[in-house]
Amino acid sequence: MNHVTRDHARLIVAIVERAGLLGLHSTEQRSSLLMDLNACHANGCILDLHGLLRSGESDFKQDIAGIQRHINREAGMMESAEVYDPNTGKRSSVTFTPCYAAVVQKRRPGRTGR
């Protein structure tokens, strides 16, 4: 688990405020997005919070929507999804990784380091 520092928390609040200005959540949904971003960052998908906050509108919207769509709110972690590859005709399991994930490789429980 990654510790969410006060600086991280301030950046997450700024990201949520930007998302609100772009119409990505209502006032009622603000706390939900705040918790989603905290959980994502703290539980295995460490975000480049500075990069996300400064990202272009398209990448920003894609990451916010993807995090909201793919977070398991009970476990507080990003979950895998079955996807179909039209090139191979096969299904595979993938985990959504935001454009501004600081660590692309998912940490496994019980392992130290990255």
Protein backbone atom coordinates (compact mmCIF):
# COMPACT_ATOMS: atom_id res chain seq x y z
CA MET A 1 0.00 0.00 0.00
CA ASN A 2 1.10 3.52 -0.76
CA HIS A 3 0.64 6.17 1.90
CA VAL A 4 -1.40 9.19 0.79
CA THR A 5 0.47 12.19 2.19
CA ARG A 6 -0.99 15.64 2.84
CA ASP A 7 0.60 16.85 -0.40
CA HIS A 8 -1.00 13.93 -2.26
CA ALA A 9 -4.35 14.76 -0.67
CA ARG A 10 -4.09 18.41 -1.76
CA LEU A 11 -3.31 17.34 -5.32
CA ILE A 12 -6.22 14.89 -5.32
CA VAL A 13 -8.56 17.67 -4.17
CA ALA A 14 -7.24 19.90 -7.00
CA ILE A 15 -7.82 17.07 -9.50
CA VAL A 16 -11.38 16.63 -8.24
CA GLU A 17 -11.97 20.39 -8.53
CA ARG A 18 -10.67 20.35 -12.13
CA ALA A 19 -12.92 17.37 -12.90
CA GLY A 20 -15.88 19.35 -11.56
CA LEU A 21 -15.03 22.36 -13.73
CA LEU A 22 -14.97 20.03 -16.75
CA GLY A 23 -18.37 18.60 -15.82
CA LEU A 24 -17.06 15.13 -14.99
CA HIS A 25 -18.98 14.94 -11.71
CA SER A 26 -21.81 16.68 -9.93
CA THR A 27 -21.51 18.23 -6.50
CA GLU A 28 -23.14 15.08 -5.06
CA GLN A 29 -20.54 12.85 -6.78
CA ARG A 30 -17.53 14.88 -5.59
CA SER A 31 -16.80 12.78 -2.50
CA SER A 32 -17.13 9.57 -4.51
CA LEU A 33 -14.46 10.72 -6.99
CA LEU A 34 -12.29 11.88 -4.11
CA MET A 35 -12.46 8.41 -2.53
CA ASP A 36 -11.89 6.68 -5.90
CA LEU A 37 -8.70 8.65 -6.55
CA ASN A 38 -7.43 8.11 -3.01
CA ALA A 39 -8.10 4.37 -3.23
CA CYS A 40 -6.51 4.07 -6.66
CA HIS A 41 -3.38 5.94 -5.57
CA ALA A 42 -3.08 4.15 -2.22
CA ASN A 43 -3.80 0.60 -3.32
CA GLY A 44 -1.45 -0.42 -6.09
CA CYS A 45 -1.95 2.07 -8.93
CA ILE A 46 0.25 4.95 -7.84
CA LEU A 47 -0.71 8.01 -9.84
CA ASP A 48 1.52 10.79 -11.11
CA LEU A 49 -0.75 13.33 -9.45
CA HIS A 50 1.20 16.36 -10.72
CA GLY A 51 1.13 14.96 -14.26
CA LEU A 52 -2.58 14.16 -14.10
CA LEU A 53 -3.42 17.62 -12.80
CA ARG A 54 -1.40 19.27 -15.61
CA SER A 55 -2.45 16.83 -18.35
CA GLY A 56 -4.35 17.80 -21.46
CA GLU A 57 -8.12 17.76 -21.28
CA SER A 58 -8.50 14.56 -23.32
CA ASP A 59 -6.03 12.51 -21.24
CA PHE A 60 -7.45 13.96 -18.04
CA LYS A 61 -11.03 13.01 -18.94
CA GLN A 62 -9.95 9.54 -20.07
CA ASP A 63 -8.08 8.82 -16.83
CA ILE A 64 -10.84 10.11 -14.56
CA ALA A 65 -13.55 8.17 -16.42
CA GLY A 66 -11.39 5.04 -16.54
CA ILE A 67 -10.62 5.14 -12.83
CA GLN A 68 -14.29 5.62 -11.98
CA ARG A 69 -15.34 2.83 -14.34
CA HIS A 70 -12.72 0.28 -13.28
CA ILE A 71 -12.26 0.76 -9.54
CA ASN A 72 -13.69 -1.91 -7.29
CA ARG A 73 -15.14 0.23 -4.52
CA GLU A 74 -15.45 -2.68 -2.10
CA ALA A 75 -11.78 -3.67 -2.44
CA GLY A 76 -10.54 -0.13 -3.13
CA MET A 77 -8.45 -1.34 -6.07
CA MET A 78 -8.45 -1.25 -9.84
CA GLU A 79 -9.97 -4.43 -11.21
CA SER A 80 -9.31 -6.48 -14.29
CA ALA A 81 -11.75 -6.67 -17.16
CA GLU A 82 -12.23 -9.16 -19.95
CA VAL A 83 -11.47 -7.62 -23.33
CA TYR A 84 -11.89 -9.01 -26.83
CA ASP A 85 -9.02 -8.62 -29.29
CA PRO A 86 -10.52 -8.53 -32.79
CA ASN A 87 -7.08 -9.25 -34.30
CA THR A 88 -6.66 -12.60 -32.56
CA GLY A 89 -10.30 -13.43 -31.82
CA LYS A 90 -9.35 -14.14 -28.19
CA ARG A 91 -10.43 -12.70 -24.88
CA SER A 92 -7.88 -11.70 -22.27
CA SER A 93 -7.90 -10.16 -18.83
CA VAL A 94 -6.40 -6.68 -18.51
CA THR A 95 -6.28 -4.07 -15.80
CA PHE A 96 -7.02 -0.47 -16.74
CA THR A 97 -3.91 1.64 -16.31
CA PRO A 98 -4.38 5.42 -16.33
CA CYS A 99 -2.17 7.44 -18.68
CA TYR A 100 -0.74 9.16 -15.64
CA ALA A 101 0.06 6.08 -13.58
CA ALA A 102 3.48 6.61 -12.07
CA VAL A 103 4.01 2.87 -11.72
CA VAL A 104 2.64 0.76 -14.54
CA GLN A 105 3.60 -2.57 -13.01
CA LYS A 106 1.09 -3.75 -10.44
CA ARG A 107 2.62 -4.71 -7.10
CA ARG A 108 1.79 -8.16 -5.82
CA PRO A 109 0.75 -8.70 -2.19
CA GLY A 110 3.63 -9.85 -0.03
CA ARG A 111 6.33 -8.55 -2.36
CA THR A 112 8.49 -5.60 -1.46
CA GLY A 113 9.81 -3.00 -3.86
CA ARG A 114 8.44 -2.16 -7.26
